[in-house]
PDB file of N, CA and C in Angstrom:
ATOM      1  N   UNK A   1      96.980  64.957 106.598  1.00  0.00           N
ATOM      2  CA  UNK A   1      95.713  65.267 107.222  1.00  0.00           C
ATOM      3  C   UNK A   1      94.643  65.556 106.176  1.00  0.00           C
ATOM      4  N   UNK A   2      94.987  66.279 105.118  1.00  0.00           N
ATOM      5  CA  UNK A   2      94.029  66.590 104.068  1.00  0.00           C
ATOM      6  C   UNK A   2      93.478  65.329 103.423  1.00  0.00           C
ATOM      7  N   UNK A   3      94.372  64.393 103.133  1.00  0.00           N
ATOM      8  CA  UNK A   3      93.963  63.151 102.493  1.00  0.00           C
ATOM      9  C   UNK A   3      92.986  62.377 103.378  1.00  0.00           C
ATOM     10  N   UNK A   4      93.258  62.339 104.679  1.00  0.00           N
ATOM     11  CA  UNK A   4      92.385  61.658 105.619  1.00  0.00           C
ATOM     12  C   UNK A   4      91.025  62.344 105.685  1.00  0.00           C
ATOM     13  N   UNK A   5      91.016  63.674 105.686  1.00  0.00           N
ATOM     14  CA  UNK A   5      89.772  64.427 105.720  1.00  0.00           C
ATOM     15  C   UNK A   5      88.979  64.206 104.443  1.00  0.00           C
ATOM     16  N   UNK A   6      89.670  64.165 103.308  1.00  0.00           N
ATOM     17  CA  UNK A   6      88.996  63.896 102.041  1.00  0.00           C
ATOM     18  C   UNK A   6      88.310  62.532 102.077  1.00  0.00           C
ATOM     19  N   UNK A   7      88.988  61.543 102.638  1.00  0.00           N
ATOM     20  CA  UNK A   7      88.423  60.202 102.738  1.00  0.00           C
ATOM     21  C   UNK A   7      87.196  60.209 103.639  1.00  0.00           C
ATOM     22  N   UNK A   8      87.273  60.897 104.749  1.00  0.00           N
ATOM     23  CA  UNK A   8      86.134  60.986 105.672  1.00  0.00           C
ATOM     24  C   UNK A   8      84.968  61.696 104.992  1.00  0.00           C
ATOM     25  N   UNK A   9      85.251  62.786 104.284  1.00  0.00           N
ATOM     26  CA  UNK A   9      84.208  63.519 103.560  1.00  0.00           C
ATOM     27  C   UNK A   9      83.555  62.627 102.507  1.00  0.00           C
ATOM     28  N   UNK A  10      84.364  61.880 101.772  1.00  0.00           N
ATOM     29  CA  UNK A  10      83.844  60.982 100.747  1.00  0.00           C
ATOM     30  C   UNK A  10      82.934  59.924 101.374  1.00  0.00           C
ATOM     31  N   UNK A  11      83.374  59.328 102.443  1.00  0.00           N
ATOM     32  CA  UNK A  11      82.565  58.308 103.125  1.00  0.00           C
ATOM     33  C   UNK A  11      81.246  58.915 103.600  1.00  0.00           C
ATOM     34  N   UNK A  12      81.305  60.119 104.163  1.00  0.00           N
ATOM     35  CA  UNK A  12      80.082  60.790 104.613  1.00  0.00           C
ATOM     36  C   UNK A  12      79.133  61.059 103.449  1.00  0.00           C
ATOM     37  N   UNK A  13      79.682  61.543 102.347  1.00  0.00           N
ATOM     38  CA  UNK A  13      78.838  61.832 101.180  1.00  0.00           C
ATOM     39  C   UNK A  13      78.216  60.559 100.616  1.00  0.00           C
ATOM     40  N   UNK A  14      78.988  59.487 100.553  1.00  0.00           N
ATOM     41  CA  UNK A  14      78.462  58.201 100.078  1.00  0.00           C
ATOM     42  C   UNK A  14      77.353  57.728 101.011  1.00  0.00           C
ATOM     43  N   UNK A  15      77.597  57.775 102.302  1.00  0.00           N
ATOM     44  CA  UNK A  15      76.586  57.328 103.265  1.00  0.00           C
ATOM     45  C   UNK A  15      75.323  58.179 103.200  1.00  0.00           C
ATOM     46  N   UNK A  16      75.477  59.480 103.025  1.00  0.00           N
ATOM     47  CA  UNK A  16      74.310  60.361 102.886  1.00  0.00           C
ATOM     48  C   UNK A  16      73.509  60.027 101.627  1.00  0.00           C
ATOM     49  N   UNK A  17      74.222  59.798 100.526  1.00  0.00           N
ATOM     50  CA  UNK A  17      73.545  59.464  99.277  1.00  0.00           C
ATOM     51  C   UNK A  17      72.830  58.115  99.389  1.00  0.00           C
ATOM     52  N   UNK A  18      73.475  57.147 100.005  1.00  0.00           N
ATOM     53  CA  UNK A  18      72.856  55.832 100.200  1.00  0.00           C
ATOM     54  C   UNK A  18      71.599  55.965 101.061  1.00  0.00           C
ATOM     55  N   UNK A  19      71.678  56.759 102.115  1.00  0.00           N
ATOM     56  CA  UNK A  19      70.503  56.982 102.974  1.00  0.00           C
ATOM     57  C   UNK A  19      69.362  57.584 102.164  1.00  0.00           C
ATOM     58  N   UNK A  20      69.693  58.548 101.308  1.00  0.00           N
ATOM     59  CA  UNK A  20      68.671  59.157 100.442  1.00  0.00           C
ATOM     60  C   UNK A  20      68.050  58.105  99.513  1.00  0.00           C
ATOM     61  N   UNK A  21      68.881  57.332  98.832  1.00  0.00           N
ATOM     62  CA  UNK A  21      68.389  56.325  97.885  1.00  0.00           C
ATOM     63  C   UNK A  21      67.526  55.290  98.587  1.00  0.00           C
ATOM     64  N   UNK A  22      67.920  54.899  99.776  1.00  0.00           N
ATOM     65  CA  UNK A  22      67.208  53.838 100.480  1.00  0.00           C
ATOM     66  C   UNK A  22      65.971  54.335 101.231  1.00  0.00           C
ATOM     67  N   UNK A  23      65.713  55.639 101.171  1.00  0.00           N
ATOM     68  CA  UNK A  23      64.464  56.130 101.766  1.00  0.00           C
ATOM     69  C   UNK A  23      63.300  55.514 100.992  1.00  0.00           C
ATOM     70  N   UNK A  24      62.212  55.325 101.665  1.00  0.00           N
ATOM     71  CA  UNK A  24      61.091  54.540 101.124  1.00  0.00           C
ATOM     72  C   UNK A  24      60.645  54.991  99.728  1.00  0.00           C
ATOM     73  N   UNK A  25      60.348  56.263  99.563  1.00  0.00           N
ATOM     74  CA  UNK A  25      59.817  56.739  98.273  1.00  0.00           C
ATOM     75  C   UNK A  25      60.843  56.651  97.155  1.00  0.00           C
ATOM     76  N   UNK A  26      62.071  57.019  97.437  1.00  0.00           N
ATOM     77  CA  UNK A  26      63.111  56.985  96.411  1.00  0.00           C
ATOM     78  C   UNK A  26      63.420  55.543  96.035  1.00  0.00           C
ATOM     79  N   UNK A  27      63.547  54.679  97.037  1.00  0.00           N
ATOM     80  CA  UNK A  27      63.885  53.275  96.772  1.00  0.00           C
ATOM     81  C   UNK A  27      62.833  52.623  95.883  1.00  0.00           C
ATOM     82  N   UNK A  28      61.555  52.910  96.127  1.00  0.00           N
ATOM     83  CA  UNK A  28      60.497  52.380  95.257  1.00  0.00           C
ATOM     84  C   UNK A  28      60.634  52.902  93.840  1.00  0.00           C
ATOM     85  N   UNK A  29      60.988  54.165  93.712  1.00  0.00           N
ATOM     86  CA  UNK A  29      61.116  54.802  92.391  1.00  0.00           C
ATOM     87  C   UNK A  29      62.255  54.188  91.576  1.00  0.00           C
ATOM     88  N   UNK A  30      63.305  53.732  92.256  1.00  0.00           N
ATOM     89  CA  UNK A  30      64.454  53.120  91.573  1.00  0.00           C
ATOM     90  C   UNK A  30      64.004  51.937  90.709  1.00  0.00           C
ATOM     91  N   UNK A  31      62.999  51.226  91.178  1.00  0.00           N
ATOM     92  CA  UNK A  31      62.568  50.002  90.504  1.00  0.00           C
ATOM     93  C   UNK A  31      61.610  50.246  89.345  1.00  0.00           C
ATOM     94  N   UNK A  32      61.223  51.485  89.125  1.00  0.00           N
ATOM     95  CA  UNK A  32      60.344  51.802  87.995  1.00  0.00           C
ATOM     96  C   UNK A  32      61.184  52.268  86.812  1.00  0.00           C
ATOM     97  N   UNK A  33      60.950  51.627  85.685  1.00  0.00           N
ATOM     98  CA  UNK A  33      61.756  51.925  84.512  1.00  0.00           C
ATOM     99  C   UNK A  33      60.846  51.944  83.291  1.00  0.00           C
ATOM    100  N   UNK A  34      60.952  52.951  82.464  1.00  0.00           N
ATOM    101  CA  UNK A  34      60.185  53.028  81.229  1.00  0.00           C
ATOM    102  C   UNK A  34      60.955  52.250  80.154  1.00  0.00           C
ATOM    103  N   UNK A  35      60.519  51.017  79.910  1.00  0.00           N
ATOM    104  CA  UNK A  35      61.219  50.125  78.976  1.00  0.00           C
ATOM    105  C   UNK A  35      61.366  50.752  77.594  1.00  0.00           C
ATOM    106  N   UNK A  36      60.306  51.360  77.079  1.00  0.00           N
ATOM    107  CA  UNK A  36      60.369  51.932  75.729  1.00  0.00           C
ATOM    108  C   UNK A  36      61.375  53.072  75.642  1.00  0.00           C
ATOM    109  N   UNK A  37      61.377  53.937  76.640  1.00  0.00           N
ATOM    110  CA  UNK A  37      62.322  55.051  76.652  1.00  0.00           C
ATOM    111  C   UNK A  37      63.761  54.539  76.744  1.00  0.00           C
ATOM    112  N   UNK A  38      63.999  53.605  77.645  1.00  0.00           N
ATOM    113  CA  UNK A  38      65.350  53.065  77.791  1.00  0.00           C
ATOM    114  C   UNK A  38      65.781  52.321  76.527  1.00  0.00           C
ATOM    115  N   UNK A  39      64.859  51.645  75.891  1.00  0.00           N
ATOM    116  CA  UNK A  39      65.186  50.935  74.654  1.00  0.00           C
ATOM    117  C   UNK A  39      65.613  51.926  73.577  1.00  0.00           C
ATOM    118  N   UNK A  40      64.892  53.034  73.460  1.00  0.00           N
ATOM    119  CA  UNK A  40      65.254  54.055  72.477  1.00  0.00           C
ATOM    120  C   UNK A  40      66.632  54.635  72.765  1.00  0.00           C
ATOM    121  N   UNK A  41      66.887  54.928  74.026  1.00  0.00           N
ATOM    122  CA  UNK A  41      68.179  55.500  74.413  1.00  0.00           C
ATOM    123  C   UNK A  41      69.304  54.500  74.152  1.00  0.00           C
ATOM    124  N   UNK A  42      69.092  53.265  74.586  1.00  0.00           N
ATOM    125  CA  UNK A  42      70.141  52.257  74.478  1.00  0.00           C
ATOM    126  C   UNK A  42      70.321  51.748  73.048  1.00  0.00           C
ATOM    127  N   UNK A  43      69.306  51.913  72.220  1.00  0.00           N
ATOM    128  CA  UNK A  43      69.422  51.503  70.819  1.00  0.00           C
ATOM    129  C   UNK A  43      70.498  52.324  70.113  1.00  0.00           C
ATOM    130  N   UNK A  44      70.661  53.555  70.542  1.00  0.00           N
ATOM    131  CA  UNK A  44      71.671  54.434  69.935  1.00  0.00           C
ATOM    132  C   UNK A  44      73.085  53.940  70.216  1.00  0.00           C
ATOM    133  N   UNK A  45      73.295  53.332  71.388  1.00  0.00           N
ATOM    134  CA  UNK A  45      74.634  52.846  71.712  1.00  0.00           C
ATOM    135  C   UNK A  45      74.950  51.588  70.924  1.00  0.00           C
ATOM    136  N   UNK A  46      73.899  50.842  70.550  1.00  0.00           N
ATOM    137  CA  UNK A  46      74.025  49.670  69.677  1.00  0.00           C
ATOM    138  C   UNK A  46      75.003  48.626  70.224  1.00  0.00           C
ATOM    139  N   UNK A  47      75.004  48.437  71.541  1.00  0.00           N
ATOM    140  CA  UNK A  47      75.875  47.434  72.133  1.00  0.00           C
ATOM    141  C   UNK A  47      75.128  46.684  73.227  1.00  0.00           C
ATOM    142  N   UNK A  48      74.556  45.558  72.864  1.00  0.00           N
ATOM    143  CA  UNK A  48      73.704  44.774  73.760  1.00  0.00           C
ATOM    144  C   UNK A  48      74.424  44.307  75.018  1.00  0.00           C
ATOM    145  N   UNK A  49      75.704  44.011  74.912  1.00  0.00           N
ATOM    146  CA  UNK A  49      76.398  43.418  76.054  1.00  0.00           C
ATOM    147  C   UNK A  49      76.486  44.370  77.241  1.00  0.00           C
ATOM    148  N   UNK A  50      76.301  45.661  77.004  1.00  0.00           N
ATOM    149  CA  UNK A  50      76.338  46.622  78.098  1.00  0.00           C
ATOM    150  C   UNK A  50      74.973  46.820  78.750  1.00  0.00           C
ATOM    151  N   UNK A  51      73.963  46.134  78.263  1.00  0.00           N
ATOM    152  CA  UNK A  51      72.636  46.228  78.865  1.00  0.00           C
ATOM    153  C   UNK A  51      72.505  45.075  79.852  1.00  0.00           C
ATOM    154  N   UNK A  52      72.902  45.367  81.077  1.00  0.00           N
ATOM    155  CA  UNK A  52      72.859  44.366  82.137  1.00  0.00           C
ATOM    156  C   UNK A  52      71.962  44.865  83.258  1.00  0.00           C
ATOM    157  N   UNK A  53      71.625  43.967  84.159  1.00  0.00           N
ATOM    158  CA  UNK A  53      70.819  44.355  85.315  1.00  0.00           C
ATOM    159  C   UNK A  53      71.529  45.462  86.087  1.00  0.00           C
ATOM    160  N   UNK A  54      72.820  45.276  86.324  1.00  0.00           N
ATOM    161  CA  UNK A  54      73.564  46.265  87.100  1.00  0.00           C
ATOM    162  C   UNK A  54      73.657  47.602  86.363  1.00  0.00           C
ATOM    163  N   UNK A  55      73.865  47.568  85.046  1.00  0.00           N
ATOM    164  CA  UNK A  55      73.981  48.840  84.307  1.00  0.00           C
ATOM    165  C   UNK A  55      72.675  49.628  84.353  1.00  0.00           C
ATOM    166  N   UNK A  56      71.540  48.929  84.290  1.00  0.00           N
ATOM    167  CA  UNK A  56      70.252  49.621  84.384  1.00  0.00           C
ATOM    168  C   UNK A  56      70.037  50.168  85.793  1.00  0.00           C
ATOM    169  N   UNK A  57      70.398  49.372  86.798  1.00  0.00           N
ATOM    170  CA  UNK A  57      70.294  49.817  88.185  1.00  0.00           C
ATOM    171  C   UNK A  57      71.154  51.074  88.398  1.00  0.00           C
ATOM    172  N   UNK A  58      72.376  51.023  87.921  1.00  0.00           N
ATOM    173  CA  UNK A  58      73.283  52.160  88.105  1.00  0.00           C
ATOM    174  C   UNK A  58      72.768  53.395  87.379  1.00  0.00           C
ATOM    175  N   UNK A  59      72.185  53.199  86.209  1.00  0.00           N
ATOM    176  CA  UNK A  59      71.600  54.320  85.465  1.00  0.00           C
ATOM    177  C   UNK A  59      70.502  54.989  86.295  1.00  0.00           C
ATOM    178  N   UNK A  60      69.703  54.183  86.979  1.00  0.00           N
ATOM    179  CA  UNK A  60      68.653  54.739  87.844  1.00  0.00           C
ATOM    180  C   UNK A  60      69.265  55.488  89.028  1.00  0.00           C
ATOM    181  N   UNK A  61      70.360  54.975  89.567  1.00  0.00           N
ATOM    182  CA  UNK A  61      71.033  55.655  90.681  1.00  0.00           C
ATOM    183  C   UNK A  61      71.582  57.003  90.205  1.00  0.00           C
ATOM    184  N   UNK A  62      72.170  57.017  89.022  1.00  0.00           N
ATOM    185  CA  UNK A  62      72.687  58.265  88.446  1.00  0.00           C
ATOM    186  C   UNK A  62      71.560  59.276  88.272  1.00  0.00           C
ATOM    187  N   UNK A  63      70.422  58.810  87.749  1.00  0.00           N
ATOM    188  CA  UNK A  63      69.278  59.704  87.535  1.00  0.00           C
ATOM    189  C   UNK A  63      68.780  60.291  88.853  1.00  0.00           C
ATOM    190  N   UNK A  64      68.716  59.465  89.883  1.00  0.00           N
ATOM    191  CA  UNK A  64      68.295  59.970  91.198  1.00  0.00           C
ATOM    192  C   UNK A  64      69.319  60.962  91.742  1.00  0.00           C
ATOM    193  N   UNK A  65      70.587  60.704  91.494  1.00  0.00           N
ATOM    194  CA  UNK A  65      71.625  61.633  91.925  1.00  0.00           C
ATOM    195  C   UNK A  65      71.456  63.003  91.298  1.00  0.00           C
ATOM    196  N   UNK A  66      71.130  63.031  90.011  1.00  0.00           N
ATOM    197  CA  UNK A  66      70.928  64.308  89.331  1.00  0.00           C
ATOM    198  C   UNK A  66      69.816  65.127  89.998  1.00  0.00           C
ATOM    199  N   UNK A  67      68.800  64.443  90.501  1.00  0.00           N
ATOM    200  CA  UNK A  67      67.671  65.142  91.127  1.00  0.00           C
ATOM    201  C   UNK A  67      68.093  65.929  92.364  1.00  0.00           C
ATOM    202  N   UNK A  68      69.130  65.468  93.033  1.00  0.00           N
ATOM    203  CA  UNK A  68      69.589  66.172  94.240  1.00  0.00           C
ATOM    204  C   UNK A  68      71.012  66.707  94.062  1.00  0.00           C
ATOM    205  N   UNK A  69      71.439  66.821  92.821  1.00  0.00           N
ATOM    206  CA  UNK A  69      72.740  67.399  92.464  1.00  0.00           C
ATOM    207  C   UNK A  69      73.929  66.581  92.983  1.00  0.00           C
ATOM    208  N   UNK A  70      73.790  65.257  92.980  1.00  0.00           N
ATOM    209  CA  UNK A  70      74.929  64.376  93.272  1.00  0.00           C
ATOM    210  C   UNK A  70      75.402  63.855  91.926  1.00  0.00           C
ATOM    211  N   UNK A  71      76.524  64.383  91.456  1.00  0.00           N
ATOM    212  CA  UNK A  71      77.013  64.021  90.125  1.00  0.00           C
ATOM    213  C   UNK A  71      78.440  63.489  90.158  1.00  0.00           C
ATOM    214  N   UNK A  72      79.051  63.461  91.325  1.00  0.00           N
ATOM    215  CA  UNK A  72      80.423  62.974  91.452  1.00  0.00           C
ATOM    216  C   UNK A  72      80.466  61.475  91.156  1.00  0.00           C
ATOM    217  N   UNK A  73      81.239  61.101  90.158  1.00  0.00           N
ATOM    218  CA  UNK A  73      81.302  59.704  89.719  1.00  0.00           C
ATOM    219  C   UNK A  73      81.732  58.744  90.808  1.00  0.00           C
ATOM    220  N   UNK A  74      82.655  59.172  91.649  1.00  0.00           N
ATOM    221  CA  UNK A  74      83.135  58.286  92.714  1.00  0.00           C
ATOM    222  C   UNK A  74      82.031  58.017  93.744  1.00  0.00           C
ATOM    223  N   UNK A  75      81.283  59.051  94.096  1.00  0.00           N
ATOM    224  CA  UNK A  75      80.177  58.875  95.042  1.00  0.00           C
ATOM    225  C   UNK A  75      79.109  57.962  94.441  1.00  0.00           C
ATOM    226  N   UNK A  76      78.782  58.200  93.175  1.00  0.00           N
ATOM    227  CA  UNK A  76      77.770  57.375  92.501  1.00  0.00           C
ATOM    228  C   UNK A  76      78.230  55.918  92.437  1.00  0.00           C
ATOM    229  N   UNK A  77      79.465  55.687  91.999  1.00  0.00           N
ATOM    230  CA  UNK A  77      79.967  54.311  91.864  1.00  0.00           C
ATOM    231  C   UNK A  77      79.995  53.579  93.196  1.00  0.00           C
ATOM    232  N   UNK A  78      80.553  54.212  94.211  1.00  0.00           N
ATOM    233  CA  UNK A  78      80.628  53.566  95.520  1.00  0.00           C
ATOM    234  C   UNK A  78      79.236  53.289  96.085  1.00  0.00           C
ATOM    235  N   UNK A  79      78.341  54.246  95.924  1.00  0.00           N
ATOM    236  CA  UNK A  79      76.975  54.079  96.429  1.00  0.00           C
ATOM    237  C   UNK A  79      76.239  52.973  95.681  1.00  0.00           C
ATOM    238  N   UNK A  80      76.327  53.004  94.360  1.00  0.00           N
ATOM    239  CA  UNK A  80      75.634  51.988  93.547  1.00  0.00           C
ATOM    240  C   UNK A  80      76.147  50.590  93.888  1.00  0.00           C
ATOM    241  N   UNK A  81      77.460  50.448  94.015  1.00  0.00           N
ATOM    242  CA  UNK A  81      78.022  49.133  94.357  1.00  0.00           C
ATOM    243  C   UNK A  81      77.533  48.642  95.713  1.00  0.00           C
ATOM    244  N   UNK A  82      77.543  49.528  96.683  1.00  0.00           N
ATOM    245  CA  UNK A  82      77.135  49.151  98.039  1.00  0.00           C
ATOM    246  C   UNK A  82      75.645  48.788  98.082  1.00  0.00           C
ATOM    247  N   UNK A  83      74.818  49.589  97.429  1.00  0.00           N
ATOM    248  CA  UNK A  83      73.375  49.314  97.420  1.00  0.00           C
ATOM    249  C   UNK A  83      73.094  48.020  96.661  1.00  0.00           C
ATOM    250  N   UNK A  84      73.741  47.836  95.496  1.00  0.00           N
ATOM    251  CA  UNK A  84      73.526  46.624  94.693  1.00  0.00           C
ATOM    252  C   UNK A  84      73.839  45.372  95.513  1.00  0.00           C
ATOM    253  N   UNK A  85      74.930  45.405  96.242  1.00  0.00           N
ATOM    254  CA  UNK A  85      75.312  44.244  97.056  1.00  0.00           C
ATOM    255  C   UNK A  85      74.307  43.965  98.165  1.00  0.00           C
ATOM    256  N   UNK A  86      73.573  44.988  98.578  1.00  0.00           N
ATOM    257  CA  UNK A  86      72.603  44.805  99.660  1.00  0.00           C
ATOM    258  C   UNK A  86      71.212  44.407  99.163  1.00  0.00           C
ATOM    259  N   UNK A  87      70.986  44.472  97.840  1.00  0.00           N
ATOM    260  CA  UNK A  87      69.671  44.096  97.303  1.00  0.00           C
ATOM    261  C   UNK A  87      69.442  42.597  97.457  1.00  0.00           C
ATOM    262  N   UNK A  88      68.197  42.242  97.632  1.00  0.00           N
ATOM    263  CA  UNK A  88      67.842  40.830  97.695  1.00  0.00           C
ATOM    264  C   UNK A  88      67.838  40.255  96.274  1.00  0.00           C
ATOM    265  N   UNK A  89      67.889  38.938  96.141  1.00  0.00           N
ATOM    266  CA  UNK A  89      67.795  38.341  94.802  1.00  0.00           C
ATOM    267  C   UNK A  89      66.506  38.742  94.073  1.00  0.00           C
ATOM    268  N   UNK A  90      65.428  38.886  94.788  1.00  0.00           N
ATOM    269  CA  UNK A  90      64.158  39.285  94.161  1.00  0.00           C
ATOM    270  C   UNK A  90      64.264  40.715  93.626  1.00  0.00           C
ATOM    271  N   UNK A  91      64.874  41.589  94.396  1.00  0.00           N
ATOM    272  CA  UNK A  91      65.043  42.971  93.944  1.00  0.00           C
ATOM    273  C   UNK A  91      65.957  43.028  92.721  1.00  0.00           C
ATOM    274  N   UNK A  92      67.036  42.276  92.736  1.00  0.00           N
ATOM    275  CA  UNK A  92      67.933  42.234  91.578  1.00  0.00           C
ATOM    276  C   UNK A  92      67.240  41.651  90.354  1.00  0.00           C
ATOM    277  N   UNK A  93      66.342  40.705  90.579  1.00  0.00           N
ATOM    278  CA  UNK A  93      65.658  40.055  89.451  1.00  0.00           C
ATOM    279  C   UNK A  93      64.802  41.048  88.672  1.00  0.00           C
ATOM    280  N   UNK A  94      64.333  42.107  89.329  1.00  0.00           N
ATOM    281  CA  UNK A  94      63.572  43.143  88.628  1.00  0.00           C
ATOM    282  C   UNK A  94      64.438  43.736  87.516  1.00  0.00           C
ATOM    283  N   UNK A  95      65.679  44.037  87.829  1.00  0.00           N
ATOM    284  CA  UNK A  95      66.582  44.632  86.846  1.00  0.00           C
ATOM    285  C   UNK A  95      67.044  43.606  85.813  1.00  0.00           C
ATOM    286  N   UNK A  96      67.170  42.345  86.221  1.00  0.00           N
ATOM    287  CA  UNK A  96      67.496  41.287  85.253  1.00  0.00           C
ATOM    288  C   UNK A  96      66.373  41.165  84.228  1.00  0.00           C
ATOM    289  N   UNK A  97      65.138  41.240  84.690  1.00  0.00           N
ATOM    290  CA  UNK A  97      63.990  41.166  83.785  1.00  0.00           C
ATOM    291  C   UNK A  97      63.975  42.353  82.835  1.00  0.00           C
ATOM    292  N   UNK A  98      64.194  43.556  83.363  1.00  0.00           N
ATOM    293  CA  UNK A  98      64.259  44.750  82.502  1.00  0.00           C
ATOM    294  C   UNK A  98      65.343  44.584  81.430  1.00  0.00           C
ATOM    295  N   UNK A  99      66.521  44.136  81.835  1.00  0.00           N
ATOM    296  CA  UNK A  99      67.628  43.987  80.880  1.00  0.00           C
ATOM    297  C   UNK A  99      67.278  42.981  79.792  1.00  0.00           C
ATOM    298  N   UNK A 100      66.677  41.874  80.179  1.00  0.00           N
ATOM    299  CA  UNK A 100      66.271  40.846  79.212  1.00  0.00           C
ATOM    300  C   UNK A 100      65.242  41.406  78.240  1.00  0.00           C
ATOM    301  N   UNK A 101      64.260  42.145  78.763  1.00  0.00           N
ATOM    302  CA  UNK A 101      63.227  42.730  77.905  1.00  0.00           C
ATOM    303  C   UNK A 101      63.828  43.731  76.917  1.00  0.00           C
ATOM    304  N   UNK A 102      64.704  44.566  77.384  1.00  0.00           N
ATOM    305  CA  UNK A 102      65.308  45.576  76.504  1.00  0.00           C
ATOM    306  C   UNK A 102      66.160  44.908  75.430  1.00  0.00           C
ATOM    307  N   UNK A 103      66.962  43.930  75.811  1.00  0.00           N
ATOM    308  CA  UNK A 103      67.777  43.223  74.806  1.00  0.00           C
ATOM    309  C   UNK A 103      66.888  42.522  73.784  1.00  0.00           C
ATOM    310  N   UNK A 104      65.778  41.950  74.214  1.00  0.00           N
ATOM    311  CA  UNK A 104      64.852  41.275  73.281  1.00  0.00           C
ATOM    312  C   UNK A 104      64.244  42.261  72.306  1.00  0.00           C
ATOM    313  N   UNK A 105      63.829  43.416  72.818  1.00  0.00           N
ATOM    314  CA  UNK A 105      63.248  44.447  71.939  1.00  0.00           C
ATOM    315  C   UNK A 105      64.291  44.909  70.927  1.00  0.00           C
ATOM    316  N   UNK A 106      65.517  45.104  71.370  1.00  0.00           N
ATOM    317  CA  UNK A 106      66.573  45.541  70.456  1.00  0.00           C
ATOM    318  C   UNK A 106      66.869  44.473  69.402  1.00  0.00           C
ATOM    319  N   UNK A 107      66.804  43.206  69.793  1.00  0.00           N
ATOM    320  CA  UNK A 107      67.013  42.112  68.822  1.00  0.00           C
ATOM    321  C   UNK A 107      65.936  42.141  67.739  1.00  0.00           C
ATOM    322  N   UNK A 108      64.712  42.402  68.135  1.00  0.00           N
ATOM    323  CA  UNK A 108      63.602  42.443  67.179  1.00  0.00           C
ATOM    324  C   UNK A 108      63.763  43.626  66.215  1.00  0.00           C
ATOM    325  N   UNK A 109      64.191  44.749  66.736  1.00  0.00           N
ATOM    326  CA  UNK A 109      64.332  45.963  65.919  1.00  0.00           C
ATOM    327  C   UNK A 109      65.526  45.910  64.982  1.00  0.00           C
ATOM    328  N   UNK A 110      66.515  45.119  65.310  1.00  0.00           N
ATOM    329  CA  UNK A 110      67.735  45.098  64.485  1.00  0.00           C
ATOM    330  C   UNK A 110      67.686  44.038  63.435  1.00  0.00           C
TER     331      UNK A 110
END
């Protein structure tokens, strides 16, 4: 019974977080990214292959989670995956463009 309740609680928490992310103001904010700041942060990791559209999207989801104290990795991962799959190609292309720009800036700096 405990395991079943844990699963139900997890699903509820994921659904609540997704509802929060998909609210109009938050969802718009997800698509805003400070390229220079992210480039500085990601330059320290020095690994271009990890700068993908999805990784940038997930980073934004993590940041939004921190704002409302959602830090559980499982909730973040499940929510990010579900939201990413529901994005339109145009919405995903925003993050593809960001990733391309950041990788280009890092190539120039290195």
